[in-house]
Amino acid sequence: MTKSQRRLLPTNPWWSDTDRAAVLAICERLRPSTVLEFGPGSSTLALLDGGVRSIDACEDNPAWQAVAQERLAD
């Protein structure tokens, strides 16, 4: 999945372009190679776009885990 494809994923009321820009700015400043996050989703995609190479995501909802795995398969 390319960066432009990730930008086209469905938006949600709790994640904005400003949120995405903040994650990208932090990635640019800190240049993390690995991240631990709780709840994969839009932030995961922004982290990937920010250059993070490895993300360990914790998810307790099996249905949402399946959605995240499908979106992140590529």
C-alpha atoms as a PDB file:
ATOM      1  CA  MET A   1       0.000   0.000   0.000  1.00  0.00           C
ATOM      2  CA  THR A   2       1.458   3.347  -1.021  1.00  0.00           C
ATOM      3  CA  LYS A   3       1.338   6.562   0.987  1.00  0.00           C
ATOM      4  CA  SER A   4      -1.293   7.996  -1.333  1.00  0.00           C
ATOM      5  CA  GLN A   5      -3.456   4.885  -0.918  1.00  0.00           C
ATOM      6  CA  ARG A   6      -3.221   5.190   2.880  1.00  0.00           C
ATOM      7  CA  ARG A   7      -4.419   8.797   2.654  1.00  0.00           C
ATOM      8  CA  LEU A   8      -7.591   7.535   0.958  1.00  0.00           C
ATOM      9  CA  LEU A   9      -8.670   5.202   3.759  1.00  0.00           C
ATOM     10  CA  PRO A  10     -11.955   6.088   5.452  1.00  0.00           C
ATOM     11  CA  THR A  11     -11.748   9.014   7.842  1.00  0.00           C
ATOM     12  CA  ASN A  12     -13.277   8.972  11.282  1.00  0.00           C
ATOM     13  CA  PRO A  13     -14.407  11.665  13.725  1.00  0.00           C
ATOM     14  CA  TRP A  14     -11.537  11.083  16.149  1.00  0.00           C
ATOM     15  CA  TRP A  15      -8.688  11.338  13.602  1.00  0.00           C
ATOM     16  CA  SER A  16      -8.068  14.479  11.557  1.00  0.00           C
ATOM     17  CA  ASP A  17      -5.501  15.729   9.073  1.00  0.00           C
ATOM     18  CA  THR A  18      -4.100  17.795  11.964  1.00  0.00           C
ATOM     19  CA  ASP A  19      -3.617  14.611  13.998  1.00  0.00           C
ATOM     20  CA  ARG A  20      -1.863  12.970  11.068  1.00  0.00           C
ATOM     21  CA  ALA A  21       0.388  15.997  10.601  1.00  0.00           C
ATOM     22  CA  ALA A  22       1.303  15.902  14.303  1.00  0.00           C
ATOM     23  CA  VAL A  23       2.346  12.241  14.087  1.00  0.00           C
ATOM     24  CA  LEU A  24       4.388  12.933  10.952  1.00  0.00           C
ATOM     25  CA  ALA A  25       6.093  15.912  12.640  1.00  0.00           C
ATOM     26  CA  ILE A  26       7.029  13.785  15.655  1.00  0.00           C
ATOM     27  CA  CYS A  27       8.397  11.084  13.373  1.00  0.00           C
ATOM     28  CA  GLU A  28      10.457  13.662  11.505  1.00  0.00           C
ATOM     29  CA  ARG A  29      11.859  15.066  14.744  1.00  0.00           C
ATOM     30  CA  LEU A  30      12.510  11.793  16.620  1.00  0.00           C
ATOM     31  CA  ARG A  31      13.022   9.400  13.686  1.00  0.00           C
ATOM     32  CA  PRO A  32      11.823   6.304  15.575  1.00  0.00           C
ATOM     33  CA  SER A  33      12.495   2.955  13.951  1.00  0.00           C
ATOM     34  CA  THR A  34      10.160   0.990  16.244  1.00  0.00           C
ATOM     35  CA  VAL A  35       6.950   1.953  18.027  1.00  0.00           C
ATOM     36  CA  LEU A  36       4.624   0.280  20.521  1.00  0.00           C
ATOM     37  CA  GLU A  37       1.051   1.476  20.136  1.00  0.00           C
ATOM     38  CA  PHE A  38      -2.274   0.596  21.659  1.00  0.00           C
ATOM     39  CA  GLY A  39      -4.998   0.289  19.052  1.00  0.00           C
ATOM     40  CA  PRO A  40      -3.906   0.042  15.407  1.00  0.00           C
ATOM     41  CA  GLY A  41      -5.666   2.290  12.925  1.00  0.00           C
ATOM     42  CA  SER A  42      -5.092   5.656  11.319  1.00  0.00           C
ATOM     43  CA  SER A  43      -2.147   6.403  13.589  1.00  0.00           C
ATOM     44  CA  THR A  44      -0.470   3.183  12.435  1.00  0.00           C
ATOM     45  CA  LEU A  45      -0.690   4.307   8.830  1.00  0.00           C
ATOM     46  CA  ALA A  46       0.699   7.751   9.714  1.00  0.00           C
ATOM     47  CA  LEU A  47       3.590   6.110  11.589  1.00  0.00           C
ATOM     48  CA  LEU A  48       4.401   4.033   8.518  1.00  0.00           C
ATOM     49  CA  ASP A  49       4.305   7.158   6.357  1.00  0.00           C
ATOM     50  CA  GLY A  50       6.612   8.791   8.916  1.00  0.00           C
ATOM     51  CA  GLY A  51       9.250   6.137   8.309  1.00  0.00           C
ATOM     52  CA  VAL A  52       8.700   3.795  11.239  1.00  0.00           C
ATOM     53  CA  ARG A  53       9.935   0.347  10.226  1.00  0.00           C
ATOM     54  CA  SER A  54       8.394  -1.806  12.944  1.00  0.00           C
ATOM     55  CA  ILE A  55       5.159  -1.285  14.868  1.00  0.00           C
ATOM     56  CA  ASP A  56       3.926  -3.548  17.649  1.00  0.00           C
ATOM     57  CA  ALA A  57       0.239  -2.823  18.112  1.00  0.00           C
ATOM     58  CA  CYS A  58      -1.933  -4.097  20.947  1.00  0.00           C
ATOM     59  CA  GLU A  59      -5.601  -4.672  20.130  1.00  0.00           C
ATOM     60  CA  ASP A  60      -8.205  -6.376  22.315  1.00  0.00           C
ATOM     61  CA  ASN A  61     -11.099  -6.336  19.837  1.00  0.00           C
ATOM     62  CA  PRO A  62     -10.838  -9.324  17.453  1.00  0.00           C
ATOM     63  CA  ALA A  63     -13.078  -7.669  14.845  1.00  0.00           C
ATOM     64  CA  TRP A  64     -10.976  -4.498  14.734  1.00  0.00           C
ATOM     65  CA  GLN A  65      -7.784  -6.575  14.732  1.00  0.00           C
ATOM     66  CA  ALA A  66      -9.032  -8.299  11.575  1.00  0.00           C
ATOM     67  CA  VAL A  67      -9.763  -4.921   9.937  1.00  0.00           C
ATOM     68  CA  ALA A  68      -6.312  -3.595  10.861  1.00  0.00           C
ATOM     69  CA  GLN A  69      -4.576  -6.726   9.580  1.00  0.00           C
ATOM     70  CA  GLU A  70      -6.409  -6.461   6.262  1.00  0.00           C
ATOM     71  CA  ARG A  71      -5.538  -2.757   5.849  1.00  0.00           C
ATOM     72  CA  LEU A  72      -1.897  -3.345   6.748  1.00  0.00           C
ATOM     73  CA  ALA A  73      -1.392  -6.554   4.761  1.00  0.00           C
ATOM     74  CA  ASP A  74       0.620  -4.838   2.030  1.00  0.00           C
END
